Protein backbone atom coordinates (compact mmCIF):
# COMPACT_ATOMS: atom_id res chain seq x y z
CA UNK A 1 -109.29 39.05 117.58
CA UNK A 2 -107.76 36.14 115.87
CA UNK A 3 -106.97 38.28 112.80
CA UNK A 4 -105.76 40.98 114.67
CA UNK A 5 -102.93 38.26 116.55
CA UNK A 6 -102.21 36.68 113.21
CA UNK A 7 -101.62 40.29 111.80
CA UNK A 8 -99.09 40.95 114.88
CA UNK A 9 -97.49 37.67 114.62
CA UNK A 10 -96.54 38.18 110.54
CA UNK A 11 -95.24 41.19 111.17
CA UNK A 12 -92.73 40.04 114.68
CA UNK A 13 -91.34 37.44 111.82
CA UNK A 14 -89.12 40.05 110.10
CA UNK A 15 -88.37 41.98 113.29
CA UNK A 16 -87.15 38.66 114.84
CA UNK A 17 -85.02 37.87 112.34
CA UNK A 18 -83.38 41.42 111.90
CA UNK A 19 -82.60 41.46 115.00
CA UNK A 20 -80.54 38.10 115.26
CA UNK A 21 -78.92 39.24 112.00
CA UNK A 22 -77.50 42.56 113.42
CA UNK A 23 -76.33 40.61 116.58
CA UNK A 24 -74.97 37.61 114.61
CA UNK A 25 -72.68 40.32 112.58
CA UNK A 26 -71.58 42.14 115.74
CA UNK A 27 -70.58 38.97 117.13
CA UNK A 28 -68.67 37.82 113.99
CA UNK A 29 -66.83 41.51 114.44
CA UNK A 30 -65.10 40.80 117.90
CA UNK A 31 -61.87 40.09 118.13
CA UNK A 32 -61.10 36.26 117.78
CA UNK A 33 -63.20 33.46 117.17
CA UNK A 34 -64.74 30.66 119.12
CA UNK A 35 -61.04 28.69 119.24
CA UNK A 36 -59.59 31.43 120.51
CA UNK A 37 -58.12 30.91 123.67
CA UNK A 38 -59.01 27.18 123.36
CA UNK A 39 -56.38 25.58 121.68
CA UNK A 40 -53.25 24.95 122.81
CA UNK A 41 -50.20 27.98 121.88
CA UNK A 42 -47.80 25.13 121.21
CA UNK A 43 -49.98 23.08 118.89
CA UNK A 44 -48.92 23.59 114.88
CA UNK A 45 -50.41 27.18 113.58
CA UNK A 46 -51.74 24.77 110.42
CA UNK A 47 -53.62 22.24 112.27
CA UNK A 48 -55.22 24.98 113.95
CA UNK A 49 -56.27 26.67 110.04
CA UNK A 50 -57.69 23.17 109.44
CA UNK A 51 -59.90 23.23 112.32
CA UNK A 52 -61.12 26.44 111.72
CA UNK A 53 -61.68 25.57 108.06
CA UNK A 54 -63.41 22.40 109.14
CA UNK A 55 -65.65 24.68 111.80
CA UNK A 56 -67.24 26.85 108.71
CA UNK A 57 -65.08 29.77 110.44
CA UNK A 58 -63.69 31.04 107.68
CA UNK A 59 -66.82 31.23 105.47
CA UNK A 60 -68.17 34.61 105.00
CA UNK A 61 -70.64 35.71 107.54
CA UNK A 62 -73.74 35.59 105.53
CA UNK A 63 -72.60 31.62 104.42
CA UNK A 64 -72.54 31.01 108.39
CA UNK A 65 -75.46 32.94 109.12
CA UNK A 66 -77.63 31.40 106.43
CA UNK A 67 -76.35 27.77 107.64
CA UNK A 68 -77.54 28.06 111.25
CA UNK A 69 -80.93 29.83 110.31
CA UNK A 70 -81.46 26.83 108.07
CA UNK A 71 -80.71 24.84 111.05
CA UNK A 72 -83.05 26.59 113.01
CA UNK A 73 -85.95 25.69 110.49
CA UNK A 74 -85.06 21.86 111.06
CA UNK A 75 -85.12 22.60 114.58
CA UNK A 76 -81.58 22.54 114.99
CA UNK A 77 -79.77 25.44 116.60
CA UNK A 78 -76.07 24.41 115.74
CA UNK A 79 -73.34 23.00 118.11
CA UNK A 80 -71.73 24.76 121.14
CA UNK A 81 -68.03 24.81 120.30
CA UNK A 82 -67.34 25.62 124.39
CA UNK A 83 -69.65 23.48 125.83
CA UNK A 84 -69.62 20.14 123.51
CA UNK A 85 -73.60 19.53 123.11
CA UNK A 86 -76.15 20.62 120.79
CA UNK A 87 -77.04 24.07 121.96
CA UNK A 88 -80.82 22.73 121.94
CA UNK A 89 -80.26 20.78 125.04
CA UNK A 90 -78.22 23.39 126.44
CA UNK A 91 -80.46 26.43 126.43
CA UNK A 92 -83.49 23.53 127.22
CA UNK A 93 -81.52 22.72 130.46
CA UNK A 94 -81.12 26.46 131.54
CA UNK A 95 -84.44 27.79 130.31
CA UNK A 96 -86.07 25.57 132.86
CA UNK A 97 -84.49 27.57 135.88
CA UNK A 98 -85.09 30.76 134.23
CA UNK A 99 -88.79 29.99 133.97
CA UNK A 100 -89.29 29.00 137.64
CA UNK A 101 -86.97 32.20 138.48
CA UNK A 102 -89.71 34.93 136.35
CA UNK A 103 -92.39 33.17 137.83
CA UNK A 104 -91.69 32.98 140.97
CA UNK A 105 -90.26 37.11 140.54
CA UNK A 106 -93.66 37.88 138.87
CA UNK A 107 -95.88 36.32 141.94
CA UNK A 108 -93.35 38.44 144.17
CA UNK A 109 -93.96 41.53 142.39
CA UNK A 110 -97.81 41.87 142.05
CA UNK A 111 -97.66 40.84 145.45
CA UNK A 112 -95.80 43.43 146.88
CA UNK A 113 -96.91 45.93 143.92
CA UNK A 114 -100.75 45.53 144.68
CA UNK A 115 -101.15 46.35 148.54
CA UNK A 116 -98.82 48.98 148.10
CA UNK A 117 -100.36 51.04 145.05
CA UNK A 118 -103.71 50.57 146.50
CA UNK A 119 -102.85 51.99 149.89
CA UNK A 120 -101.15 54.76 148.19
CA UNK A 121 -103.82 55.69 145.87
CA UNK A 122 -106.60 55.49 148.71
CA UNK A 123 -105.01 57.15 151.20
CA UNK A 124 -102.95 59.42 148.96
CA UNK A 125 -100.74 62.55 150.28
CA UNK A 126 -101.01 60.68 153.86
CA UNK A 127 -97.81 59.88 155.62
CA UNK A 128 -97.82 55.99 154.28
CA UNK A 129 -98.37 57.48 150.68
CA UNK A 130 -95.27 59.78 150.93
CA UNK A 131 -93.49 56.52 152.68
CA UNK A 132 -94.50 54.28 149.55
CA UNK A 133 -93.96 57.33 147.00
CA UNK A 134 -90.08 57.68 148.18
CA UNK A 135 -89.54 53.69 147.86
CA UNK A 136 -90.89 54.10 144.28
CA UNK A 137 -88.38 56.89 143.86
CA UNK A 138 -85.65 55.49 145.47
CA UNK A 139 -86.37 51.81 143.23
CA UNK A 140 -86.62 54.27 139.57
CA UNK A 141 -83.38 55.16 140.70
CA UNK A 142 -81.36 52.43 141.48
CA UNK A 143 -80.01 50.26 138.86
CA UNK A 144 -80.98 47.01 139.38
CA UNK A 145 -77.71 45.40 139.44
CA UNK A 146 -76.86 47.40 142.35
CA UNK A 147 -79.49 46.96 144.32
CA UNK A 148 -78.73 43.30 143.49
CA UNK A 149 -75.41 43.83 144.93
CA UNK A 150 -76.50 45.28 147.77
CA UNK A 151 -79.07 42.41 148.30
CA UNK A 152 -76.54 39.83 148.00
CA UNK A 153 -74.00 41.13 150.65
CA UNK A 154 -75.88 41.90 153.04
CA UNK A 155 -78.36 38.90 152.93
CA UNK A 156 -75.79 36.06 151.77
CA UNK A 157 -72.57 37.51 152.56
CA UNK A 158 -73.01 39.33 156.37
CA UNK A 159 -76.21 37.48 157.67
CA UNK A 160 -75.78 34.63 156.15
CA UNK A 161 -79.30 33.62 155.26
CA UNK A 162 -79.11 32.69 151.94
CA UNK A 163 -77.31 30.65 149.39
CA UNK A 164 -75.17 32.99 147.63
CA UNK A 165 -75.20 30.75 144.07
CA UNK A 166 -76.53 27.95 142.73
CA UNK A 167 -79.91 27.06 141.81
CA UNK A 168 -80.21 23.59 144.61
CA UNK A 169 -78.32 22.04 147.64
CA UNK A 170 -75.89 19.11 145.98
CA UNK A 171 -76.89 16.23 146.41
CA UNK A 172 -80.42 16.24 146.97
CA UNK A 173 -82.70 13.79 145.49
CA UNK A 174 -84.53 15.16 142.63
CA UNK A 175 -88.91 15.19 142.58
CA UNK A 176 -88.73 15.13 146.82
CA UNK A 177 -90.14 17.66 148.90
CA UNK A 178 -86.62 18.71 150.25
CA UNK A 179 -85.42 19.27 146.91
CA UNK A 180 -88.93 21.87 146.11
CA UNK A 181 -87.71 23.58 148.85
CA UNK A 182 -84.18 23.66 148.33
CA UNK A 183 -85.19 25.18 144.99
CA UNK A 184 -87.57 27.57 146.27
CA UNK A 185 -85.02 28.75 149.18
CA UNK A 186 -82.12 29.25 146.59
CA UNK A 187 -84.73 31.37 144.26
CA UNK A 188 -86.13 33.45 146.77
CA UNK A 189 -83.13 36.22 147.14
CA UNK A 190 -82.64 37.01 143.48
CA UNK A 191 -86.19 36.63 143.29
CA UNK A 192 -86.67 39.45 145.68
CA UNK A 193 -83.85 41.44 144.30
CA UNK A 194 -85.50 41.16 141.17
CA UNK A 195 -89.01 42.20 142.04
CA UNK A 196 -87.96 45.17 144.54
CA UNK A 197 -87.22 47.17 141.87
CA UNK A 198 -89.44 45.76 139.32
CA UNK A 199 -92.75 46.48 141.22
CA UNK A 200 -92.53 49.95 141.76
CA UNK A 201 -93.35 50.60 138.22
CA UNK A 202 -96.82 48.98 138.77
CA UNK A 203 -96.99 50.73 142.11
CA UNK A 204 -96.94 53.81 140.86
CA UNK A 205 -99.09 53.42 137.66
CA UNK A 206 -102.45 51.54 140.27
CA UNK A 207 -101.57 54.52 142.70
CA UNK A 208 -102.17 56.98 139.53
CA UNK A 209 -105.05 54.94 138.05
CA UNK A 210 -106.77 55.08 141.87
CA UNK A 211 -107.11 58.47 142.10
CA UNK A 212 -108.05 59.41 138.65
CA UNK A 213 -110.91 56.95 139.51
CA UNK A 214 -111.49 58.51 142.41
CA UNK A 215 -112.20 61.89 140.71
CA UNK A 216 -114.43 60.26 137.94
CA UNK A 217 -118.05 61.11 138.07
CA UNK A 218 -119.44 57.49 138.37
CA UNK A 219 -117.66 57.66 141.49
CA UNK A 220 -119.67 60.39 143.00
CA UNK A 221 -122.88 59.68 141.67
CA UNK A 222 -122.62 56.09 143.90
CA UNK A 223 -121.23 58.06 146.91
CA UNK A 224 -124.34 60.59 146.42
CA UNK A 225 -126.65 57.41 147.13
CA UNK A 226 -125.46 56.40 149.78
CA UNK A 227 -123.11 53.54 148.91
CA UNK A 228 -120.37 52.94 151.74
CA UNK A 229 -117.24 53.83 151.54
CA UNK A 230 -116.15 50.18 151.67
CA UNK A 231 -118.53 49.27 148.71
CA UNK A 232 -117.25 51.82 146.39
CA UNK A 233 -114.15 51.09 146.57
CA UNK A 234 -114.30 47.93 146.71
CA UNK A 235 -117.00 47.53 144.09
CA UNK A 236 -115.90 50.51 142.04
CA UNK A 237 -113.06 52.25 142.48
CA UNK A 238 -110.49 48.86 142.80
CA UNK A 239 -112.81 47.00 140.17
CA UNK A 240 -111.69 49.84 137.51
CA UNK A 241 -108.46 50.97 138.63
CA UNK A 242 -107.00 47.02 138.87
CA UNK A 243 -108.05 45.94 135.43
CA UNK A 244 -105.19 48.13 133.39
CA UNK A 245 -103.13 46.33 135.80
CA UNK A 246 -103.88 42.73 134.45
CA UNK A 247 -102.84 44.12 130.91
CA UNK A 248 -99.50 44.86 131.80
CA UNK A 249 -98.09 41.38 132.64
CA UNK A 250 -96.74 40.77 128.97
CA UNK A 251 -94.73 44.04 129.92
CA UNK A 252 -93.68 42.56 133.24
CA UNK A 253 -92.37 39.62 131.53
CA UNK A 254 -90.29 41.28 128.84
CA UNK A 255 -88.95 43.19 132.09
CA UNK A 256 -87.61 40.21 133.89
CA UNK A 257 -85.71 38.89 130.54
CA UNK A 258 -83.54 41.94 130.86
CA UNK A 259 -83.62 41.72 134.52
CA UNK A 260 -82.70 38.34 134.47
CA UNK A 261 -79.77 38.64 132.77
CA UNK A 262 -78.13 40.40 135.59
CA UNK A 263 -79.66 38.94 138.33
CA UNK A 264 -78.73 35.43 137.11
CA UNK A 265 -74.91 37.04 136.94
CA UNK A 266 -74.59 38.49 140.21
CA UNK A 267 -76.29 35.17 142.33
CA UNK A 268 -74.52 32.33 140.04
CA UNK A 269 -78.31 31.47 139.45
CA UNK A 270 -77.57 29.37 136.09
CA UNK A 271 -80.09 30.21 134.05
CA UNK A 272 -80.26 31.35 130.72
CA UNK A 273 -78.78 35.69 131.79
CA UNK A 274 -75.72 33.61 132.57
CA UNK A 275 -75.27 31.32 129.99
CA UNK A 276 -76.02 34.45 127.95
CA UNK A 277 -73.37 36.35 128.96
CA UNK A 278 -70.71 33.60 129.44
CA UNK A 279 -71.33 32.61 125.48
CA UNK A 280 -70.35 36.27 124.64
CA UNK A 281 -67.62 35.63 126.62
CA UNK A 282 -66.32 32.41 124.90
CA UNK A 283 -67.31 33.78 121.56
CA UNK A 284 -69.98 31.05 121.28
CA UNK A 285 -71.69 32.42 118.34
CA UNK A 286 -73.84 29.78 117.93
CA UNK A 287 -75.28 30.06 121.36
CA UNK A 288 -75.56 33.90 121.64
CA UNK A 289 -77.56 34.10 118.13
CA UNK A 290 -80.17 31.41 119.58
CA UNK A 291 -80.53 33.17 122.98
CA UNK A 292 -80.85 36.71 121.17
CA UNK A 293 -83.65 35.03 119.06
CA UNK A 294 -85.41 33.42 122.05
CA UNK A 295 -85.10 36.51 123.97
CA UNK A 296 -86.26 38.74 121.26
CA UNK A 297 -89.10 36.07 120.46
CA UNK A 298 -90.17 36.33 124.46
CA UNK A 299 -90.61 39.96 124.85
CA UNK A 300 -92.56 40.22 121.75
CA UNK A 301 -95.08 37.49 122.60
CA UNK A 302 -95.10 39.51 125.61
CA UNK A 303 -96.11 42.78 123.77
CA UNK A 304 -98.66 40.49 122.08
CA UNK A 305 -99.89 39.16 125.55
CA UNK A 306 -100.56 42.47 126.93
CA UNK A 307 -102.62 43.79 123.88
CA UNK A 308 -104.54 40.49 124.13
CA UNK A 309 -105.40 40.50 127.95
CA UNK A 310 -106.34 44.33 127.98
CA UNK A 311 -108.50 43.75 125.19
CA UNK A 312 -110.16 41.39 127.37
CA UNK A 313 -110.69 42.62 130.54
CA UNK A 314 -111.71 45.92 129.00
CA UNK A 315 -114.61 46.10 126.60
CA UNK A 316 -114.31 49.62 125.36
CA UNK A 317 -111.18 48.36 123.66
CA UNK A 318 -111.89 45.97 120.89
CA UNK A 319 -108.94 45.37 118.83
CA UNK A 320 -110.38 44.62 114.79
């Protein structure tokens, strides 16, 4: 197992490097630079040119990229020109919020998906199954940002049940019980909006696994031996159907990374997704490339985690 893991990590390194190069080049091809729109137009053009030269913005892209990459290996992600602070500190401030939002969304996803998938699979072709299947079809067809906007308008503005922005109520002392509840309260609507869409694939997969497992020979044999229906479902069908769901944990994490970019901007949630889009519009290249590198690493780690879990939960699959 460790040999497979090490081999996957080694092959991931050039993938991450290639991704960072492509994004860095595309960012440099955008019109303007990090100083565009931030300098008073009345300032002497020679002064602006000197500032660009001092920041290295006139250097070839490969020199800027090499300089940034060398800093990454030393733990220095560079300096944010717009936010006037080290990129590592800026990302750390946002990554905590994104982590808790993703974790909360993942919990809600499985709390919703597993009961619906079990019900749909056990009572397939029933009215309950048709309703759940209809929900999954709508979820597959509905873009996550459209659904989030609807949720924000209905529950945030129209019914006024949830806050429409931020991650905490101002003035609350950190570390208190009120602080924790305020954090959860601000995360609930964006997390639920993302979970209701991302859960549909898990529901469909679990339903298919249960329906397929019900027709296997060992299930028919258990019934022929007189085992009760409850025992057949709990000990045989569910046990075998839920194992592959555990392997989808890594891919669920990967899906949350992409979804959180839209969710955080729609709900004005101060996380990495919101920072990513704002950095693109501000042409803050050091922040953009650092976040893309981080997103790419999380995506690859999610896929690796799924492979490892699948090999552990299913004895028939052993990756050498």
